[in-house]
Protein backbone atom coordinates (compact mmCIF):
# COMPACT_ATOMS: atom_id res chain seq x y z
CA MET A 1 0.00 0.00 0.00
CA LYS A 2 2.78 2.49 0.86
CA ARG A 3 4.53 1.76 -2.43
CA SER A 4 1.30 2.29 -4.43
CA PHE A 5 0.59 5.53 -2.59
CA ALA A 6 4.10 6.75 -3.38
CA ILE A 7 3.60 6.03 -7.09
CA ALA A 8 0.37 8.04 -7.06
CA VAL A 9 1.99 11.06 -5.43
CA LEU A 10 4.98 10.81 -7.78
CA ILE A 11 2.79 11.06 -10.86
CA LEU A 12 0.86 13.99 -9.41
CA GLY A 13 4.17 15.76 -9.02
CA SER A 14 5.07 15.36 -12.69
CA ALA A 15 2.85 18.33 -13.53
CA ILE A 16 5.46 20.76 -12.20
CA GLY A 17 8.10 19.92 -14.81
CA LEU A 18 6.33 19.97 -18.19
CA ASP A 19 8.79 22.34 -19.87
CA ALA A 20 7.97 21.15 -23.40
CA GLN A 21 4.60 22.92 -23.28
CA GLN A 22 5.98 26.43 -23.80
CA LEU A 23 4.60 28.62 -26.59
CA GLU A 24 7.09 31.29 -27.70
CA PRO A 25 5.99 33.53 -30.59
CA ARG A 26 8.69 35.64 -32.26
CA ALA A 27 11.46 33.75 -30.49
CA TYR A 28 13.78 34.58 -33.40
CA SER A 29 12.96 38.28 -33.70
CA ILE A 30 15.85 40.67 -34.37
CA SER A 31 17.06 43.43 -32.03
CA PRO A 32 19.73 46.08 -32.60
CA ASN A 33 23.19 45.17 -31.34
CA GLY A 34 23.74 46.17 -27.71
CA VAL A 35 20.10 46.28 -26.64
CA ASN A 36 19.34 44.91 -23.15
CA ILE A 37 15.93 43.56 -22.12
CA ALA A 38 14.86 42.93 -18.52
CA ASN A 39 11.71 40.88 -18.18
CA VAL A 40 9.53 39.81 -15.25
CA SER A 41 6.50 37.60 -15.73
CA TYR A 42 3.78 35.86 -13.76
CA GLY A 43 1.87 32.82 -14.97
CA TYR A 44 -0.99 30.78 -13.54
CA SER A 45 -1.98 27.29 -14.73
CA THR A 46 -4.97 25.25 -13.67
CA GLY A 47 -6.44 22.04 -15.00
CA ASP A 48 -6.56 18.28 -15.00
CA LEU A 49 -3.77 15.72 -14.82
CA ASN A 50 -3.90 12.73 -17.16
CA PHE A 51 -2.18 9.51 -16.03
CA ASP A 52 -1.32 6.04 -17.21
CA PRO A 53 -4.85 4.48 -17.49
CA SER A 54 -3.75 1.42 -15.49
CA LEU A 55 -3.22 3.52 -12.34
CA PRO A 56 -6.13 3.82 -9.86
CA ILE A 57 -6.04 7.64 -9.72
CA ASP A 58 -9.13 9.80 -10.32
CA GLU A 59 -9.84 13.51 -10.48
CA GLY A 60 -6.19 14.58 -10.66
CA SER A 61 -5.77 18.34 -10.91
CA ALA A 62 -3.30 21.12 -10.19
CA GLN A 63 -3.07 24.88 -9.67
CA ILE A 64 0.46 26.14 -10.33
CA SER A 65 1.86 29.69 -10.30
CA ASN A 66 5.26 30.80 -11.51
CA PHE A 67 7.33 33.99 -11.43
CA VAL A 68 10.26 34.38 -13.84
CA ALA A 69 12.95 37.07 -13.90
CA SER A 70 15.04 37.12 -17.08
CA TYR A 71 17.65 39.17 -18.92
CA VAL A 72 18.39 39.26 -22.68
CA ARG A 73 21.22 41.01 -24.52
CA ALA A 74 21.51 41.37 -28.30
CA ILE A 75 25.07 40.70 -29.50
CA ASN A 76 27.14 40.45 -32.67
CA VAL A 77 28.43 36.96 -33.55
CA ALA A 78 30.60 36.87 -36.68
CA GLY A 79 28.54 39.67 -38.16
CA ARG A 80 25.21 37.96 -37.48
CA SER A 81 22.44 39.12 -35.16
CA ALA A 82 22.39 37.02 -31.99
CA ASN A 83 21.33 37.16 -28.36
CA VAL A 84 21.95 35.53 -25.01
CA ALA A 85 19.36 35.12 -22.26
CA LEU A 86 19.34 34.06 -18.62
CA ALA A 87 16.21 33.21 -16.61
CA VAL A 88 15.48 32.31 -12.99
CA PRO A 89 11.99 30.89 -12.27
CA TYR A 90 10.16 30.46 -8.96
CA VAL A 91 7.22 28.03 -8.78
CA TRP A 92 4.50 27.33 -6.22
CA GLY A 93 1.28 25.35 -6.37
CA ASN A 94 -1.09 22.60 -5.22
CA LEU A 95 -1.50 19.17 -6.77
CA GLN A 96 -4.29 16.83 -5.76
CA GLY A 97 -6.11 13.65 -6.71
CA ILE A 98 -8.08 10.66 -5.39
CA TYR A 99 -6.16 7.41 -5.02
CA LEU A 100 -8.24 4.33 -4.12
CA GLY A 101 -10.91 6.58 -2.63
CA THR A 102 -8.48 8.66 -0.54
CA PHE A 103 -7.96 12.35 -1.29
CA THR A 104 -4.27 13.29 -1.59
CA GLU A 105 -2.95 16.86 -1.77
CA VAL A 106 0.59 18.23 -2.02
CA TYR A 107 1.87 21.83 -1.91
CA ARG A 108 5.32 22.84 -3.09
CA SER A 109 7.14 26.15 -3.61
CA GLY A 110 10.70 27.16 -4.41
CA LEU A 111 13.23 28.08 -7.06
CA THR A 112 13.07 25.70 -9.99
CA ASP A 113 15.83 25.00 -12.52
CA SER A 114 17.38 28.10 -14.11
CA PHE A 115 18.21 28.21 -17.79
CA ALA A 116 20.32 30.03 -20.36
CA ARG A 117 19.62 30.45 -24.08
CA PHE A 118 21.89 31.37 -26.98
CA SER A 119 20.30 32.23 -30.33
CA VAL A 120 21.89 33.32 -33.62
CA ASN A 121 20.45 34.37 -36.97
CA LEU A 122 21.94 32.23 -39.74
CA TYR A 123 20.20 33.83 -42.71
CA GLY A 124 18.31 37.05 -43.32
CA ALA A 125 19.62 39.55 -40.78
CA LYS A 126 23.12 40.72 -40.02
CA ALA A 127 24.05 42.38 -36.73
CA MET A 128 22.81 45.98 -36.87
CA LYS A 129 23.22 49.14 -34.90
CA LEU A 130 20.14 51.19 -34.01
CA LYS A 131 20.29 53.44 -37.09
CA GLU A 132 20.54 50.46 -39.47
CA PHE A 133 17.84 48.59 -37.57
CA ALA A 134 15.40 51.50 -37.99
CA ALA A 135 15.48 50.92 -41.76
CA TYR A 136 15.37 47.12 -41.52
CA ARG A 137 12.37 45.29 -43.00
CA GLN A 138 12.12 41.58 -42.34
CA ARG A 139 11.65 39.06 -45.13
CA THR A 140 12.86 35.54 -44.32
CA ASN A 141 15.07 34.78 -41.31
CA ILE A 142 16.49 31.41 -40.32
CA GLY A 143 17.94 30.98 -36.86
CA ALA A 144 19.24 28.38 -34.45
CA SER A 145 19.34 28.27 -30.67
CA VAL A 146 20.27 26.10 -27.73
CA VAL A 147 18.73 26.19 -24.26
CA VAL A 148 20.60 24.78 -21.28
CA SER A 149 18.62 24.05 -18.11
CA ALA A 150 20.85 23.75 -15.03
CA PRO A 151 19.87 21.67 -11.94
CA LEU A 152 19.83 24.66 -9.58
CA GLY A 153 16.25 24.26 -8.40
CA GLN A 154 15.14 23.24 -4.93
CA TYR A 155 15.52 19.48 -4.64
CA ASP A 156 15.30 17.02 -1.74
CA PRO A 157 15.95 13.38 -2.73
CA ALA A 158 13.93 12.26 0.28
CA LYS A 159 10.78 13.77 -1.28
CA LEU A 160 8.83 12.33 -4.18
CA ILE A 161 7.75 15.79 -5.43
CA ASN A 162 10.24 18.56 -6.04
CA VAL A 163 10.26 21.81 -8.00
CA GLY A 164 13.84 21.08 -9.13
CA THR A 165 14.71 18.09 -11.33
CA ASN A 166 18.29 17.26 -10.22
CA ARG A 167 19.40 16.84 -13.85
CA TRP A 168 20.66 18.83 -16.81
CA ALA A 169 18.51 19.42 -19.88
CA PHE A 170 19.40 20.73 -23.35
CA LYS A 171 17.22 21.95 -26.18
CA PRO A 172 18.79 22.54 -29.62
CA GLU A 173 16.34 24.15 -32.04
CA VAL A 174 16.09 25.65 -35.52
CA GLY A 175 13.48 28.21 -36.52
CA ILE A 176 12.26 30.11 -39.56
CA SER A 177 10.41 33.42 -39.57
CA HIS A 178 8.86 34.78 -42.77
CA ALA A 179 7.14 38.15 -43.21
CA LEU A 180 4.54 38.03 -45.96
CA LYS A 181 5.23 40.75 -48.50
CA SER A 182 2.80 43.69 -48.56
CA THR A 183 1.07 42.45 -45.39
CA ARG A 184 1.60 42.76 -41.65
CA LEU A 185 1.64 39.00 -41.16
CA ILE A 186 4.65 37.03 -39.89
CA LEU A 187 4.77 33.22 -39.99
CA ASP A 188 7.06 31.37 -37.55
CA GLY A 189 7.94 27.69 -37.29
CA TYR A 190 10.40 25.94 -34.94
CA VAL A 191 11.61 22.37 -34.47
CA GLY A 192 13.56 21.41 -31.36
CA VAL A 193 14.25 18.50 -29.05
CA TRP A 194 14.66 18.36 -25.27
CA LEU A 195 17.51 16.06 -24.17
CA TYR A 196 17.86 15.00 -20.53
CA THR A 197 20.62 13.61 -18.37
CA ALA A 198 19.73 11.09 -15.65
CA ASN A 199 18.60 11.99 -12.16
CA THR A 200 20.92 9.66 -10.24
CA ASN A 201 19.42 10.36 -6.81
CA PHE A 202 15.70 9.82 -7.24
CA GLN A 203 15.09 8.49 -3.74
CA GLY A 204 18.23 6.41 -4.10
CA ARG A 205 17.31 5.26 -7.61
CA THR A 206 18.08 6.45 -11.14
CA ARG A 207 15.38 8.12 -13.19
CA THR A 208 15.89 8.64 -16.93
CA GLN A 209 13.72 10.28 -19.58
CA GLU A 210 13.64 9.91 -23.35
CA PRO A 211 13.91 13.04 -25.54
CA ILE A 212 10.85 15.17 -26.25
CA VAL A 213 10.49 16.47 -29.80
CA ASN A 214 8.76 19.86 -29.90
CA THR A 215 7.35 21.77 -32.87
CA GLN A 216 5.79 25.23 -32.75
CA PHE A 217 3.82 27.32 -35.25
CA HIS A 218 2.83 30.97 -34.91
CA ILE A 219 0.92 33.48 -37.04
CA SER A 220 1.34 37.06 -35.85
CA TYR A 221 -0.03 40.37 -37.05
CA ASP A 222 1.57 43.79 -36.56
CA ILE A 223 -1.23 46.10 -35.43
CA LYS A 224 1.18 49.05 -35.36
CA PRO A 225 4.87 49.50 -34.44
CA ARG A 226 5.71 47.43 -31.34
CA MET A 227 2.11 46.22 -31.01
CA TRP A 228 1.20 42.77 -32.29
CA VAL A 229 -1.01 39.74 -31.71
CA ALA A 230 -0.10 36.10 -32.37
CA PHE A 231 -2.00 32.84 -32.64
CA ASP A 232 0.11 29.95 -31.35
CA ALA A 233 0.18 26.15 -31.58
CA ASN A 234 2.61 23.41 -30.66
CA PHE A 235 2.92 19.65 -30.70
CA PHE A 236 5.31 17.64 -28.55
CA ARG A 237 5.94 13.92 -28.35
CA GLY A 238 8.16 11.57 -26.33
CA GLY A 239 9.52 11.84 -22.81
CA GLN A 240 8.85 8.29 -21.60
CA THR A 241 10.56 7.74 -18.25
CA SER A 242 12.26 4.79 -16.55
CA ILE A 243 13.20 4.20 -12.91
CA ASP A 244 16.11 1.79 -12.42
CA GLY A 245 15.38 0.45 -15.91
CA VAL A 246 11.66 -0.13 -15.30
CA VAL A 247 9.79 1.66 -18.09
CA ARG A 248 6.64 3.62 -17.28
CA ASP A 249 3.70 4.08 -19.64
CA ASP A 250 3.95 7.89 -19.65
CA ARG A 251 5.00 8.80 -23.19
CA GLN A 252 3.62 12.24 -24.01
CA ARG A 253 1.74 13.08 -27.22
CA ASN A 254 0.24 16.47 -26.53
CA SER A 255 -0.48 19.83 -28.17
CA ARG A 256 -1.52 23.31 -27.08
CA LEU A 257 -3.22 26.30 -28.68
CA GLY A 258 -2.82 29.90 -27.53
CA VAL A 259 -2.92 33.60 -28.24
CA THR A 260 -0.35 36.30 -27.34
CA PHE A 261 -0.71 40.09 -27.33
CA SER A 262 2.20 42.54 -26.95
CA ALA A 263 1.98 46.34 -26.70
CA PRO A 264 4.22 49.25 -25.72
CA ILE A 265 3.33 51.19 -22.58
CA ALA A 266 6.19 53.72 -22.84
CA LYS A 267 9.22 54.37 -25.06
CA ARG A 268 11.33 51.64 -23.46
CA GLN A 269 8.62 49.53 -21.87
CA ALA A 270 6.16 46.91 -23.07
CA ILE A 271 3.64 44.47 -21.68
CA ARG A 272 2.76 41.03 -22.99
CA LEU A 273 -0.37 38.98 -22.24
CA ALA A 274 -0.82 35.32 -23.17
CA TYR A 275 -3.41 32.55 -22.86
CA SER A 276 -3.12 28.91 -23.86
CA ASP A 277 -5.08 25.69 -23.42
CA GLY A 278 -4.48 22.00 -24.05
CA ALA A 279 -5.80 20.80 -27.41
CA ILE A 280 -4.67 17.17 -27.08
CA THR A 281 -3.29 15.65 -23.87
CA ARG A 282 -2.41 11.96 -23.53
CA ILE A 283 -0.20 12.12 -20.44
CA GLY A 284 0.56 15.18 -18.31
CA GLY A 285 -1.21 18.43 -17.52
CA ASP A 286 -4.25 19.53 -19.52
CA PHE A 287 -3.86 23.11 -18.32
CA LYS A 288 -5.39 26.48 -19.01
CA THR A 289 -2.59 29.01 -18.60
CA ILE A 290 -2.62 32.79 -18.41
CA SER A 291 0.46 34.98 -18.09
CA VAL A 292 1.47 38.62 -18.00
CA ALA A 293 4.99 39.96 -18.61
CA TYR A 294 6.62 43.36 -18.27
CA GLN A 295 9.66 44.31 -20.36
CA TYR A 296 12.13 47.15 -20.03
CA LEU A 297 14.68 47.95 -22.77
CA TRP A 298 17.87 50.01 -22.61
CA GLY A 299 21.22 50.44 -24.35
CA ALA A 300 22.26 50.74 -28.02
CA GLY A 301 21.27 54.42 -28.03
CA LEU A 302 17.58 53.87 -27.26
């Protein structure tokens, strides 16, 4: 009974770490060389948890909040437009469900794994100073990026549920962004894969996870300078886990739909609002998510 209860709680806790669900419109947008962007955001997710059908768990759900502070700097790499980003997230929330007729609830809060991202434009946009950038008109850009997630989050191997993962993760990705001529529409598409190292201290055991392939598609419309709206979709598949070589039936095959709105609120400031919902969820969190972000820009002569 204790072992079965532990399995139930473990699966409830998996909702905290579904990093493949992110929707990121205009991830390969160009900024003038030397621009700095500080960003703070708050997000709230609520919804159901879907498990391996063989497990006796009913009415699984979660309410999760997160706060993220991040910094981005546009740089010149071999004459190409590029940027580096650092982000530190904090997560808190409740996860609950009914296991064999008994209600189970868990609350966790703490710093989760931090990450860094490097992105470079490979085709379509050289590195530009502010004056050049003012005359720039996008056509087709092709970029590549890599995200590195470091195991810096709060983690206690004695607990089944943690906000940190005690492992490294890497996401190489390529993306294309095309502005339709004579319109205000921009089409974006990305293909990436999350790769994970093993958690070698998962309650004294080793937990591994297969890669998760992630694709994203975005259609955005420029309402006016610095104000735009985007319609977002993604599809991600994979991520089956094993504990000491025992494979679990938790392969993900999910997708999300969303909308994002960004607008300036001052010369160097902007606000971004986003909403997304699960379209298809086999395993994991079928969440409704809302978020708000504030951005401040400086440098490069702004």
